[in-house]
Amino acid sequence: MPPTAPVLIIDDDPVHLQIYRFIVESVGFRGLPVQVTVRGLKFPDHEPVDAVLLDYRVAPNISARSVALEARQRYPSAPIVVLSDIHEIPDEMAAIVQGFVRNGNPEKLLETLRYLVAQPL
């Protein structure tokens, strides 16, 4: 299946970026990995984005909330899905994002992505 909907993947761990890219591309999405460093992150210029996957613990000096707010400004129609090993979505993220998936559950991640990309905000 050729890649279709571009999915921005934001994480500080390059291995996680590769894993999530493999997962989303295995079902036809196009993964756009962005690594967070201590200096921040660079959103891709001139790239359409249909969904955003955001690691909750992106970096010690950068909050997932600030990244989500910037992603929301840049891609207002793209749903944001938080990925984390915590059990439930933190209160400060609940009003900003459209989905929450615990790490280690690729089936749930893909189910959530398929649903959200098909549903306009």
PDB file of N, CA and C in Angstrom:
ATOM      1  N   MET A   1       0.854  -1.176   0.000  1.00  0.00           N
ATOM      2  CA  MET A   1       0.000   0.000   0.000  1.00  0.00           C
ATOM      3  C   MET A   1       0.901   1.241   0.000  1.00  0.00           C
ATOM      4  N   PRO A   2       0.696   2.192  -0.915  1.00  0.00           N
ATOM      5  CA  PRO A   2       1.535   3.401  -0.921  1.00  0.00           C
ATOM      6  C   PRO A   2       1.191   4.309   0.254  1.00  0.00           C
ATOM      7  N   PRO A   3       2.207   4.998   0.786  1.00  0.00           N
ATOM      8  CA  PRO A   3       1.934   5.911   1.898  1.00  0.00           C
ATOM      9  C   PRO A   3       0.940   6.991   1.502  1.00  0.00           C
ATOM     10  N   THR A   4       0.072   7.344   2.426  1.00  0.00           N
ATOM     11  CA  THR A   4      -0.931   8.361   2.132  1.00  0.00           C
ATOM     12  C   THR A   4      -0.842   9.484   3.148  1.00  0.00           C
ATOM     13  N   ALA A   5      -1.635   9.426   4.172  1.00  0.00           N
ATOM     14  CA  ALA A   5      -1.723  10.515   5.141  1.00  0.00           C
ATOM     15  C   ALA A   5      -0.408  10.696   5.893  1.00  0.00           C
ATOM     16  N   PRO A   6       0.170  11.916   5.856  1.00  0.00           N
ATOM     17  CA  PRO A   6       1.408  12.169   6.596  1.00  0.00           C
ATOM     18  C   PRO A   6       1.143  12.289   8.098  1.00  0.00           C
ATOM     19  N   VAL A   7       1.938  11.572   8.872  1.00  0.00           N
ATOM     20  CA  VAL A   7       1.818  11.579  10.327  1.00  0.00           C
ATOM     21  C   VAL A   7       3.136  12.080  10.906  1.00  0.00           C
ATOM     22  N   LEU A   8       3.079  13.203  11.614  1.00  0.00           N
ATOM     23  CA  LEU A   8       4.252  13.762  12.277  1.00  0.00           C
ATOM     24  C   LEU A   8       4.476  12.983  13.564  1.00  0.00           C
ATOM     25  N   ILE A   9       5.692  12.480  13.760  1.00  0.00           N
ATOM     26  CA  ILE A   9       6.034  11.679  14.934  1.00  0.00           C
ATOM     27  C   ILE A   9       7.087  12.446  15.717  1.00  0.00           C
ATOM     28  N   ILE A  10       6.768  12.837  16.953  1.00  0.00           N
ATOM     29  CA  ILE A  10       7.657  13.666  17.761  1.00  0.00           C
ATOM     30  C   ILE A  10       8.094  12.889  18.995  1.00  0.00           C
ATOM     31  N   ASP A  11       9.413  12.719  19.134  1.00  0.00           N
ATOM     32  CA  ASP A  11       9.960  11.969  20.263  1.00  0.00           C
ATOM     33  C   ASP A  11      11.422  12.381  20.442  1.00  0.00           C
ATOM     34  N   ASP A  12      11.954  12.171  21.632  1.00  0.00           N
ATOM     35  CA  ASP A  12      13.370  12.479  21.861  1.00  0.00           C
ATOM     36  C   ASP A  12      14.273  11.274  21.625  1.00  0.00           C
ATOM     37  N   ASP A  13      13.702  10.109  21.485  1.00  0.00           N
ATOM     38  CA  ASP A  13      14.466   8.876  21.330  1.00  0.00           C
ATOM     39  C   ASP A  13      14.458   8.450  19.856  1.00  0.00           C
ATOM     40  N   PRO A  14      15.634   8.426  19.216  1.00  0.00           N
ATOM     41  CA  PRO A  14      15.672   8.066  17.796  1.00  0.00           C
ATOM     42  C   PRO A  14      15.185   6.634  17.515  1.00  0.00           C
ATOM     43  N   VAL A  15      15.372   5.738  18.464  1.00  0.00           N
ATOM     44  CA  VAL A  15      14.883   4.365  18.285  1.00  0.00           C
ATOM     45  C   VAL A  15      13.356   4.355  18.275  1.00  0.00           C
ATOM     46  N   HIS A  16      12.733   5.104  19.192  1.00  0.00           N
ATOM     47  CA  HIS A  16      11.274   5.186  19.213  1.00  0.00           C
ATOM     48  C   HIS A  16      10.751   5.799  17.918  1.00  0.00           C
ATOM     49  N   LEU A  17      11.453   6.799  17.408  1.00  0.00           N
ATOM     50  CA  LEU A  17      11.041   7.403  16.136  1.00  0.00           C
ATOM     51  C   LEU A  17      11.028   6.363  15.019  1.00  0.00           C
ATOM     52  N   GLN A  18      12.047   5.521  14.978  1.00  0.00           N
ATOM     53  CA  GLN A  18      12.102   4.473  13.949  1.00  0.00           C
ATOM     54  C   GLN A  18      10.984   3.454  14.129  1.00  0.00           C
ATOM     55  N   ILE A  19      10.737   3.072  15.374  1.00  0.00           N
ATOM     56  CA  ILE A  19       9.687   2.085  15.648  1.00  0.00           C
ATOM     57  C   ILE A  19       8.323   2.629  15.244  1.00  0.00           C
ATOM     58  N   TYR A  20       8.005   3.851  15.686  1.00  0.00           N
ATOM     59  CA  TYR A  20       6.694   4.420  15.357  1.00  0.00           C
ATOM     60  C   TYR A  20       6.555   4.662  13.856  1.00  0.00           C
ATOM     61  N   ARG A  21       7.640   5.065  13.215  1.00  0.00           N
ATOM     62  CA  ARG A  21       7.587   5.258  11.763  1.00  0.00           C
ATOM     63  C   ARG A  21       7.281   3.924  11.074  1.00  0.00           C
ATOM     64  N   PHE A  22       7.952   2.868  11.496  1.00  0.00           N
ATOM     65  CA  PHE A  22       7.694   1.552  10.929  1.00  0.00           C
ATOM     66  C   PHE A  22       6.235   1.150  11.133  1.00  0.00           C
ATOM     67  N   ILE A  23       5.718   1.381  12.339  1.00  0.00           N
ATOM     68  CA  ILE A  23       4.337   0.998  12.646  1.00  0.00           C
ATOM     69  C   ILE A  23       3.356   1.740  11.747  1.00  0.00           C
ATOM     70  N   VAL A  24       3.477   3.061  11.669  1.00  0.00           N
ATOM     71  CA  VAL A  24       2.486   3.825  10.884  1.00  0.00           C
ATOM     72  C   VAL A  24       2.632   3.553   9.387  1.00  0.00           C
ATOM     73  N   GLU A  25       3.862   3.353   8.931  1.00  0.00           N
ATOM     74  CA  GLU A  25       4.052   3.093   7.504  1.00  0.00           C
ATOM     75  C   GLU A  25       3.639   1.679   7.116  1.00  0.00           C
ATOM     76  N   SER A  26       3.569   0.768   8.083  1.00  0.00           N
ATOM     77  CA  SER A  26       3.166  -0.606   7.780  1.00  0.00           C
ATOM     78  C   SER A  26       1.716  -0.700   7.319  1.00  0.00           C
ATOM     79  N   VAL A  27       0.926   0.336   7.614  1.00  0.00           N
ATOM     80  CA  VAL A  27      -0.476   0.326   7.186  1.00  0.00           C
ATOM     81  C   VAL A  27      -0.792   1.450   6.204  1.00  0.00           C
ATOM     82  N   GLY A  28       0.247   2.115   5.686  1.00  0.00           N
ATOM     83  CA  GLY A  28       0.003   3.073   4.616  1.00  0.00           C
ATOM     84  C   GLY A  28       0.100   4.536   4.966  1.00  0.00           C
ATOM     85  N   PHE A  29       0.304   4.882   6.228  1.00  0.00           N
ATOM     86  CA  PHE A  29       0.547   6.285   6.555  1.00  0.00           C
ATOM     87  C   PHE A  29       1.986   6.622   6.149  1.00  0.00           C
ATOM     88  N   ARG A  30       2.284   7.896   6.013  1.00  0.00           N
ATOM     89  CA  ARG A  30       3.657   8.337   5.741  1.00  0.00           C
ATOM     90  C   ARG A  30       4.206   8.970   7.012  1.00  0.00           C
ATOM     91  N   GLY A  31       5.214   8.349   7.606  1.00  0.00           N
ATOM     92  CA  GLY A  31       5.796   8.842   8.849  1.00  0.00           C
ATOM     93  C   GLY A  31       6.761   9.986   8.612  1.00  0.00           C
ATOM     94  N   LEU A  32       6.617  11.060   9.403  1.00  0.00           N
ATOM     95  CA  LEU A  32       7.505  12.220   9.361  1.00  0.00           C
ATOM     96  C   LEU A  32       8.141  12.371  10.739  1.00  0.00           C
ATOM     97  N   PRO A  33       9.284  11.713  10.987  1.00  0.00           N
ATOM     98  CA  PRO A  33       9.882  11.761  12.323  1.00  0.00           C
ATOM     99  C   PRO A  33      10.574  13.090  12.603  1.00  0.00           C
ATOM    100  N   VAL A  34      10.378  13.589  13.833  1.00  0.00           N
ATOM    101  CA  VAL A  34      11.035  14.807  14.307  1.00  0.00           C
ATOM    102  C   VAL A  34      11.609  14.507  15.678  1.00  0.00           C
ATOM    103  N   GLN A  35      12.931  14.612  15.794  1.00  0.00           N
ATOM    104  CA  GLN A  35      13.572  14.320  17.068  1.00  0.00           C
ATOM    105  C   GLN A  35      13.689  15.591  17.901  1.00  0.00           C
ATOM    106  N   VAL A  36      13.277  15.479  19.159  1.00  0.00           N
ATOM    107  CA  VAL A  36      13.419  16.572  20.122  1.00  0.00           C
ATOM    108  C   VAL A  36      14.795  16.453  20.753  1.00  0.00           C
ATOM    109  N   THR A  37      15.510  17.557  20.818  1.00  0.00           N
ATOM    110  CA  THR A  37      16.820  17.588  21.466  1.00  0.00           C
ATOM    111  C   THR A  37      16.770  18.622  22.587  1.00  0.00           C
ATOM    112  N   VAL A  38      17.867  18.785  23.298  1.00  0.00           N
ATOM    113  CA  VAL A  38      17.900  19.783  24.367  1.00  0.00           C
ATOM    114  C   VAL A  38      17.721  21.195  23.809  1.00  0.00           C
ATOM    115  N   ARG A  39      18.001  21.358  22.533  1.00  0.00           N
ATOM    116  CA  ARG A  39      17.803  22.667  21.892  1.00  0.00           C
ATOM    117  C   ARG A  39      16.393  22.856  21.366  1.00  0.00           C
ATOM    118  N   GLY A  40      15.580  21.831  21.424  1.00  0.00           N
ATOM    119  CA  GLY A  40      14.209  21.941  20.949  1.00  0.00           C
ATOM    120  C   GLY A  40      13.937  21.013  19.780  1.00  0.00           C
ATOM    121  N   LEU A  41      13.039  21.436  18.905  1.00  0.00           N
ATOM    122  CA  LEU A  41      12.692  20.644  17.742  1.00  0.00           C
ATOM    123  C   LEU A  41      12.388  21.574  16.582  1.00  0.00           C
ATOM    124  N   LYS A  42      12.500  21.045  15.398  1.00  0.00           N
ATOM    125  CA  LYS A  42      12.205  21.811  14.198  1.00  0.00           C
ATOM    126  C   LYS A  42      11.062  21.122  13.475  1.00  0.00           C
ATOM    127  N   PHE A  43       9.937  21.804  13.425  1.00  0.00           N
ATOM    128  CA  PHE A  43       8.803  21.276  12.683  1.00  0.00           C
ATOM    129  C   PHE A  43       9.138  21.334  11.191  1.00  0.00           C
ATOM    130  N   PRO A  44       8.686  20.363  10.422  1.00  0.00           N
ATOM    131  CA  PRO A  44       8.991  20.385   8.989  1.00  0.00           C
ATOM    132  C   PRO A  44       8.272  21.547   8.304  1.00  0.00           C
ATOM    133  N   ASP A  45       9.022  22.240   7.464  1.00  0.00           N
ATOM    134  CA  ASP A  45       8.434  23.329   6.685  1.00  0.00           C
ATOM    135  C   ASP A  45       7.816  22.765   5.418  1.00  0.00           C
ATOM    136  N   HIS A  46       6.712  23.321   5.036  1.00  0.00           N
ATOM    137  CA  HIS A  46       6.062  22.995   3.765  1.00  0.00           C
ATOM    138  C   HIS A  46       5.666  21.529   3.646  1.00  0.00           C
ATOM    139  N   GLU A  47       5.363  20.890   4.749  1.00  0.00           N
ATOM    140  CA  GLU A  47       4.893  19.504   4.739  1.00  0.00           C
ATOM    141  C   GLU A  47       3.470  19.489   5.278  1.00  0.00           C
ATOM    142  N   PRO A  48       2.545  18.905   4.548  1.00  0.00           N
ATOM    143  CA  PRO A  48       1.210  18.735   5.129  1.00  0.00           C
ATOM    144  C   PRO A  48       1.277  17.692   6.238  1.00  0.00           C
ATOM    145  N   VAL A  49       0.444  17.845   7.231  1.00  0.00           N
ATOM    146  CA  VAL A  49       0.397  16.898   8.347  1.00  0.00           C
ATOM    147  C   VAL A  49      -1.066  16.577   8.630  1.00  0.00           C
ATOM    148  N   ASP A  50      -1.399  15.293   8.582  1.00  0.00           N
ATOM    149  CA  ASP A  50      -2.775  14.861   8.845  1.00  0.00           C
ATOM    150  C   ASP A  50      -2.996  14.413  10.275  1.00  0.00           C
ATOM    151  N   ALA A  51      -1.913  14.110  11.001  1.00  0.00           N
ATOM    152  CA  ALA A  51      -1.999  13.713  12.406  1.00  0.00           C
ATOM    153  C   ALA A  51      -0.630  13.886  13.040  1.00  0.00           C
ATOM    154  N   VAL A  52      -0.631  14.034  14.379  1.00  0.00           N
ATOM    155  CA  VAL A  52       0.604  14.200  15.137  1.00  0.00           C
ATOM    156  C   VAL A  52       0.643  13.142  16.240  1.00  0.00           C
ATOM    157  N   LEU A  53       1.753  12.403  16.308  1.00  0.00           N
ATOM    158  CA  LEU A  53       2.010  11.502  17.425  1.00  0.00           C
ATOM    159  C   LEU A  53       3.051  12.175  18.288  1.00  0.00           C
ATOM    160  N   LEU A  54       2.770  12.318  19.575  1.00  0.00           N
ATOM    161  CA  LEU A  54       3.642  13.070  20.471  1.00  0.00           C
ATOM    162  C   LEU A  54       3.955  12.265  21.722  1.00  0.00           C
ATOM    163  N   ASP A  55       5.233  12.001  21.930  1.00  0.00           N
ATOM    164  CA  ASP A  55       5.665  11.358  23.163  1.00  0.00           C
ATOM    165  C   ASP A  55       5.429  12.328  24.318  1.00  0.00           C
ATOM    166  N   TYR A  56       4.875  11.828  25.416  1.00  0.00           N
ATOM    167  CA  TYR A  56       4.572  12.718  26.546  1.00  0.00           C
ATOM    168  C   TYR A  56       5.839  13.211  27.239  1.00  0.00           C
ATOM    169  N   ARG A  57       6.843  12.388  27.318  1.00  0.00           N
ATOM    170  CA  ARG A  57       8.100  12.789  27.975  1.00  0.00           C
ATOM    171  C   ARG A  57       9.137  13.067  26.899  1.00  0.00           C
ATOM    172  N   VAL A  58       9.024  14.251  26.287  1.00  0.00           N
ATOM    173  CA  VAL A  58       9.869  14.554  25.139  1.00  0.00           C
ATOM    174  C   VAL A  58      11.289  14.954  25.505  1.00  0.00           C
ATOM    175  N   ALA A  59      11.477  15.736  26.527  1.00  0.00           N
ATOM    176  CA  ALA A  59      12.822  16.162  26.932  1.00  0.00           C
ATOM    177  C   ALA A  59      12.721  16.820  28.295  1.00  0.00           C
ATOM    178  N   PRO A  60      13.806  16.799  29.069  1.00  0.00           N
ATOM    179  CA  PRO A  60      13.756  17.392  30.413  1.00  0.00           C
ATOM    180  C   PRO A  60      13.417  18.879  30.423  1.00  0.00           C
ATOM    181  N   ASN A  61      13.835  19.591  29.404  1.00  0.00           N
ATOM    182  CA  ASN A  61      13.619  21.042  29.387  1.00  0.00           C
ATOM    183  C   ASN A  61      12.471  21.486  28.485  1.00  0.00           C
ATOM    184  N   ILE A  62      11.724  20.543  27.912  1.00  0.00           N
ATOM    185  CA  ILE A  62      10.621  20.874  27.007  1.00  0.00           C
ATOM    186  C   ILE A  62       9.396  20.067  27.427  1.00  0.00           C
ATOM    187  N   SER A  63       8.278  20.738  27.580  1.00  0.00           N
ATOM    188  CA  SER A  63       7.065  20.020  27.988  1.00  0.00           C
ATOM    189  C   SER A  63       6.273  19.559  26.766  1.00  0.00           C
ATOM    190  N   ALA A  64       5.621  18.425  26.926  1.00  0.00           N
ATOM    191  CA  ALA A  64       4.749  17.930  25.867  1.00  0.00           C
ATOM    192  C   ALA A  64       3.629  18.925  25.605  1.00  0.00           C
ATOM    193  N   ARG A  65       3.168  19.603  26.647  1.00  0.00           N
ATOM    194  CA  ARG A  65       2.105  20.600  26.477  1.00  0.00           C
ATOM    195  C   ARG A  65       2.556  21.713  25.539  1.00  0.00           C
ATOM    196  N   SER A  66       3.777  22.229  25.713  1.00  0.00           N
ATOM    197  CA  SER A  66       4.242  23.310  24.842  1.00  0.00           C
ATOM    198  C   SER A  66       4.397  22.824  23.404  1.00  0.00           C
ATOM    199  N   VAL A  67       4.868  21.599  23.221  1.00  0.00           N
ATOM    200  CA  VAL A  67       4.994  21.049  21.875  1.00  0.00           C
ATOM    201  C   VAL A  67       3.612  20.865  21.256  1.00  0.00           C
ATOM    202  N   ALA A  68       2.669  20.364  22.032  1.00  0.00           N
ATOM    203  CA  ALA A  68       1.310  20.166  21.524  1.00  0.00           C
ATOM    204  C   ALA A  68       0.668  21.498  21.130  1.00  0.00           C
ATOM    205  N   LEU A  69       0.875  22.536  21.933  1.00  0.00           N
ATOM    206  CA  LEU A  69       0.306  23.843  21.605  1.00  0.00           C
ATOM    207  C   LEU A  69       0.915  24.397  20.315  1.00  0.00           C
ATOM    208  N   GLU A  70       2.208  24.215  20.140  1.00  0.00           N
ATOM    209  CA  GLU A  70       2.836  24.681  18.898  1.00  0.00           C
ATOM    210  C   GLU A  70       2.347  23.865  17.703  1.00  0.00           C
ATOM    211  N   ALA A  71       2.219  22.556  17.883  1.00  0.00           N
ATOM    212  CA  ALA A  71       1.701  21.705  16.803  1.00  0.00           C
ATOM    213  C   ALA A  71       0.277  22.118  16.442  1.00  0.00           C
ATOM    214  N   ARG A  72      -0.515  22.451  17.441  1.00  0.00           N
ATOM    215  CA  ARG A  72      -1.895  22.874  17.198  1.00  0.00           C
ATOM    216  C   ARG A  72      -1.932  24.163  16.375  1.00  0.00           C
ATOM    217  N   GLN A  73      -1.019  25.092  16.663  1.00  0.00           N
ATOM    218  CA  GLN A  73      -0.946  26.335  15.882  1.00  0.00           C
ATOM    219  C   GLN A  73      -0.529  26.066  14.443  1.00  0.00           C
ATOM    220  N   ARG A  74       0.455  25.211  14.257  1.00  0.00           N
ATOM    221  CA  ARG A  74       0.975  24.934  12.914  1.00  0.00           C
ATOM    222  C   ARG A  74       0.031  24.072  12.075  1.00  0.00           C
ATOM    223  N   TYR A  75      -0.625  23.137  12.730  1.00  0.00           N
ATOM    224  CA  TYR A  75      -1.482  22.166  12.033  1.00  0.00           C
ATOM    225  C   TYR A  75      -2.859  22.125  12.709  1.00  0.00           C
ATOM    226  N   PRO A  76      -3.654  23.174  12.566  1.00  0.00           N
ATOM    227  CA  PRO A  76      -4.902  23.273  13.330  1.00  0.00           C
ATOM    228  C   PRO A  76      -5.908  22.153  13.058  1.00  0.00           C
ATOM    229  N   SER A  77      -5.849  21.541  11.902  1.00  0.00           N
ATOM    230  CA  SER A  77      -6.826  20.484  11.616  1.00  0.00           C
ATOM    231  C   SER A  77      -6.290  19.082  11.882  1.00  0.00           C
ATOM    232  N   ALA A  78      -5.030  18.971  12.326  1.00  0.00           N
ATOM    233  CA  ALA A  78      -4.436  17.651  12.571  1.00  0.00           C
ATOM    234  C   ALA A  78      -4.691  17.203  14.009  1.00  0.00           C
ATOM    235  N   PRO A  79      -5.299  16.043  14.191  1.00  0.00           N
ATOM    236  CA  PRO A  79      -5.462  15.526  15.553  1.00  0.00           C
ATOM    237  C   PRO A  79      -4.103  15.179  16.152  1.00  0.00           C
ATOM    238  N   ILE A  80      -3.998  15.354  17.464  1.00  0.00           N
ATOM    239  CA  ILE A  80      -2.766  15.043  18.195  1.00  0.00           C
ATOM    240  C   ILE A  80      -3.036  13.858  19.104  1.00  0.00           C
ATOM    241  N   VAL A  81      -2.166  12.867  19.032  1.00  0.00           N
ATOM    242  CA  VAL A  81      -2.264  11.672  19.865  1.00  0.00           C
ATOM    243  C   VAL A  81      -1.030  11.626  20.756  1.00  0.00           C
ATOM    244  N   VAL A  82      -1.241  11.545  22.060  1.00  0.00           N
ATOM    245  CA  VAL A  82      -0.147  11.448  23.020  1.00  0.00           C
ATOM    246  C   VAL A  82       0.196   9.978  23.229  1.00  0.00           C
ATOM    247  N   LEU A  83       1.500   9.689  23.213  1.00  0.00           N
ATOM    248  CA  LEU A  83       2.017   8.354  23.481  1.00  0.00           C
ATOM    249  C   LEU A  83       2.753   8.398  24.805  1.00  0.00           C
ATOM    250  N   SER A  84       2.479   7.436  25.688  1.00  0.00           N
ATOM    251  CA  SER A  84       3.137   7.457  26.989  1.00  0.00           C
ATOM    252  C   SER A  84       3.066   6.108  27.675  1.00  0.00           C
ATOM    253  N   ASP A  85       3.936   5.945  28.670  1.00  0.00           N
ATOM    254  CA  ASP A  85       3.877   4.747  29.502  1.00  0.00           C
ATOM    255  C   ASP A  85       3.051   4.984  30.767  1.00  0.00           C
ATOM    256  N   ILE A  86       2.530   6.190  30.956  1.00  0.00           N
ATOM    257  CA  ILE A  86       1.650   6.445  32.098  1.00  0.00           C
ATOM    258  C   ILE A  86       0.262   5.870  31.799  1.00  0.00           C
ATOM    259  N   HIS A  87      -0.577   5.753  32.818  1.00  0.00           N
ATOM    260  CA  HIS A  87      -1.849   5.038  32.664  1.00  0.00           C
ATOM    261  C   HIS A  87      -2.986   5.858  32.078  1.00  0.00           C
ATOM    262  N   GLU A  88      -2.930   7.161  32.223  1.00  0.00           N
ATOM    263  CA  GLU A  88      -4.018   7.971  31.649  1.00  0.00           C
ATOM    264  C   GLU A  88      -3.480   9.330  31.247  1.00  0.00           C
ATOM    265  N   ILE A  89      -4.225   9.992  30.418  1.00  0.00           N
ATOM    266  CA  ILE A  89      -3.775  11.275  29.897  1.00  0.00           C
ATOM    267  C   ILE A  89      -3.718  12.308  31.022  1.00  0.00           C
ATOM    268  N   PRO A  90      -2.623  13.039  31.118  1.00  0.00           N
ATOM    269  CA  PRO A  90      -2.526  14.080  32.148  1.00  0.00           C
ATOM    270  C   PRO A  90      -3.541  15.195  31.910  1.00  0.00           C
ATOM    271  N   ASP A  91      -4.018  15.777  32.990  1.00  0.00           N
ATOM    272  CA  ASP A  91      -5.037  16.820  32.893  1.00  0.00           C
ATOM    273  C   ASP A  91      -4.617  17.975  31.999  1.00  0.00           C
ATOM    274  N   GLU A  92      -3.329  18.373  32.053  1.00  0.00           N
ATOM    275  CA  GLU A  92      -2.896  19.527  31.273  1.00  0.00           C
ATOM    276  C   GLU A  92      -2.906  19.256  29.768  1.00  0.00           C
ATOM    277  N   MET A  93      -3.033  17.991  29.375  1.00  0.00           N
ATOM    278  CA  MET A  93      -3.050  17.635  27.958  1.00  0.00           C
ATOM    279  C   MET A  93      -4.458  17.345  27.436  1.00  0.00           C
ATOM    280  N   ALA A  94      -5.376  17.059  28.322  1.00  0.00           N
ATOM    281  CA  ALA A  94      -6.691  16.567  27.922  1.00  0.00           C
ATOM    282  C   ALA A  94      -7.432  17.494  26.961  1.00  0.00           C
ATOM    283  N   ALA A  95      -7.356  18.794  27.167  1.00  0.00           N
ATOM    284  CA  ALA A  95      -8.101  19.729  26.319  1.00  0.00           C
ATOM    285  C   ALA A  95      -7.392  20.021  24.996  1.00  0.00           C
ATOM    286  N   ILE A  96      -6.134  19.621  24.869  1.00  0.00           N
ATOM    287  CA  ILE A  96      -5.343  19.958  23.683  1.00  0.00           C
ATOM    288  C   ILE A  96      -5.338  18.837  22.658  1.00  0.00           C
ATOM    289  N   VAL A  97      -5.378  17.596  23.127  1.00  0.00           N
ATOM    290  CA  VAL A  97      -5.190  16.453  22.241  1.00  0.00           C
ATOM    291  C   VAL A  97      -6.480  15.679  22.016  1.00  0.00           C
ATOM    292  N   GLN A  98      -6.472  14.871  20.975  1.00  0.00           N
ATOM    293  CA  GLN A  98      -7.666  14.094  20.629  1.00  0.00           C
ATOM    294  C   GLN A  98      -7.528  12.618  20.961  1.00  0.00           C
ATOM    295  N   GLY A  99      -6.319  12.181  21.340  1.00  0.00           N
ATOM    296  CA  GLY A  99      -6.140  10.770  21.618  1.00  0.00           C
ATOM    297  C   GLY A  99      -5.004  10.520  22.586  1.00  0.00           C
ATOM    298  N   PHE A 100      -5.040   9.359  23.216  1.00  0.00           N
ATOM    299  CA  PHE A 100      -4.012   8.931  24.155  1.00  0.00           C
ATOM    300  C   PHE A 100      -3.837   7.432  24.000  1.00  0.00           C
ATOM    301  N   VAL A 101      -2.594   7.001  23.794  1.00  0.00           N
ATOM    302  CA  VAL A 101      -2.308   5.579  23.626  1.00  0.00           C
ATOM    303  C   VAL A 101      -1.093   5.235  24.479  1.00  0.00           C
ATOM    304  N   ARG A 102      -1.220   4.189  25.247  1.00  0.00           N
ATOM    305  CA  ARG A 102      -0.082   3.722  26.049  1.00  0.00           C
ATOM    306  C   ARG A 102       0.943   3.072  25.138  1.00  0.00           C
ATOM    307  N   ASN A 103       2.217   3.277  25.468  1.00  0.00           N
ATOM    308  CA  ASN A 103       3.298   2.647  24.716  1.00  0.00           C
ATOM    309  C   ASN A 103       3.116   1.135  24.714  1.00  0.00           C
ATOM    310  N   GLY A 104       3.579   0.501  23.657  1.00  0.00           N
ATOM    311  CA  GLY A 104       3.523  -0.956  23.581  1.00  0.00           C
ATOM    312  C   GLY A 104       2.206  -1.499  23.092  1.00  0.00           C
ATOM    313  N   ASN A 105       1.366  -0.642  22.511  1.00  0.00           N
ATOM    314  CA  ASN A 105       0.084  -1.093  22.006  1.00  0.00           C
ATOM    315  C   ASN A 105      -0.101  -0.606  20.565  1.00  0.00           C
ATOM    316  N   PRO A 106       0.659  -1.184  19.618  1.00  0.00           N
ATOM    317  CA  PRO A 106       0.582  -0.695  18.249  1.00  0.00           C
ATOM    318  C   PRO A 106      -0.802  -0.846  17.611  1.00  0.00           C
ATOM    319  N   GLU A 107      -1.545  -1.875  17.988  1.00  0.00           N
ATOM    320  CA  GLU A 107      -2.889  -2.049  17.431  1.00  0.00           C
ATOM    321  C   GLU A 107      -3.792  -0.881  17.829  1.00  0.00           C
ATOM    322  N   LYS A 108      -3.737  -0.487  19.089  1.00  0.00           N
ATOM    323  CA  LYS A 108      -4.538   0.642  19.566  1.00  0.00           C
ATOM    324  C   LYS A 108      -4.086   1.939  18.898  1.00  0.00           C
ATOM    325  N   LEU A 109      -2.779   2.101  18.730  1.00  0.00           N
ATOM    326  CA  LEU A 109      -2.258   3.281  18.061  1.00  0.00           C
ATOM    327  C   LEU A 109      -2.813   3.386  16.641  1.00  0.00           C
ATOM    328  N   LEU A 110      -2.737   2.317  15.887  1.00  0.00           N
ATOM    329  CA  LEU A 110      -3.221   2.341  14.512  1.00  0.00           C
ATOM    330  C   LEU A 110      -4.731   2.520  14.443  1.00  0.00           C
ATOM    331  N   GLU A 111      -5.444   1.885  15.348  1.00  0.00           N
ATOM    332  CA  GLU A 111      -6.901   2.061  15.405  1.00  0.00           C
ATOM    333  C   GLU A 111      -7.251   3.525  15.676  1.00  0.00           C
ATOM    334  N   THR A 112      -6.552   4.139  16.619  1.00  0.00           N
ATOM    335  CA  THR A 112      -6.787   5.543  16.960  1.00  0.00           C
ATOM    336  C   THR A 112      -6.452   6.452  15.784  1.00  0.00           C
ATOM    337  N   LEU A 113      -5.323   6.221  15.145  1.00  0.00           N
ATOM    338  CA  LEU A 113      -4.921   7.031  13.996  1.00  0.00           C
ATOM    339  C   LEU A 113      -5.926   6.924  12.852  1.00  0.00           C
ATOM    340  N   ARG A 114      -6.298   5.710  12.526  1.00  0.00           N
ATOM    341  CA  ARG A 114      -7.271   5.518  11.430  1.00  0.00           C
ATOM    342  C   ARG A 114      -8.561   6.275  11.719  1.00  0.00           C
ATOM    343  N   TYR A 115      -9.040   6.163  12.937  1.00  0.00           N
ATOM    344  CA  TYR A 115     -10.280   6.846  13.308  1.00  0.00           C
ATOM    345  C   TYR A 115     -10.127   8.369  13.229  1.00  0.00           C
ATOM    346  N   LEU A 116      -9.072   8.896  13.831  1.00  0.00           N
ATOM    347  CA  LEU A 116      -8.913  10.354  13.896  1.00  0.00           C
ATOM    348  C   LEU A 116      -8.615  10.976  12.536  1.00  0.00           C
ATOM    349  N   VAL A 117      -7.847  10.307  11.708  1.00  0.00           N
ATOM    350  CA  VAL A 117      -7.553  10.872  10.385  1.00  0.00           C
ATOM    351  C   VAL A 117      -8.812  10.883   9.517  1.00  0.00           C
ATOM    352  N   ALA A 118      -9.695   9.924   9.730  1.00  0.00           N
ATOM    353  CA  ALA A 118     -10.946   9.870   8.974  1.00  0.00           C
ATOM    354  C   ALA A 118     -11.971  10.877   9.472  1.00  0.00           C
ATOM    355  N   GLN A 119     -11.809  11.386  10.695  1.00  0.00           N
ATOM    356  CA  GLN A 119     -12.759  12.320  11.304  1.00  0.00           C
ATOM    357  C   GLN A 119     -12.177  13.721  11.336  1.00  0.00           C
ATOM    358  N   PRO A 120     -12.670  14.652  10.535  1.00  0.00           N
ATOM    359  CA  PRO A 120     -12.131  16.013  10.597  1.00  0.00           C
ATOM    360  C   PRO A 120     -12.421  16.660  11.942  1.00  0.00           C
ATOM    361  N   LEU A 121     -11.493  17.526  12.385  1.00  0.00           N
ATOM    362  CA  LEU A 121     -11.684  18.253  13.655  1.00  0.00           C
ATOM    363  C   LEU A 121     -12.746  19.315  13.500  1.00  0.00           C
TER     364      LEU A 121
END
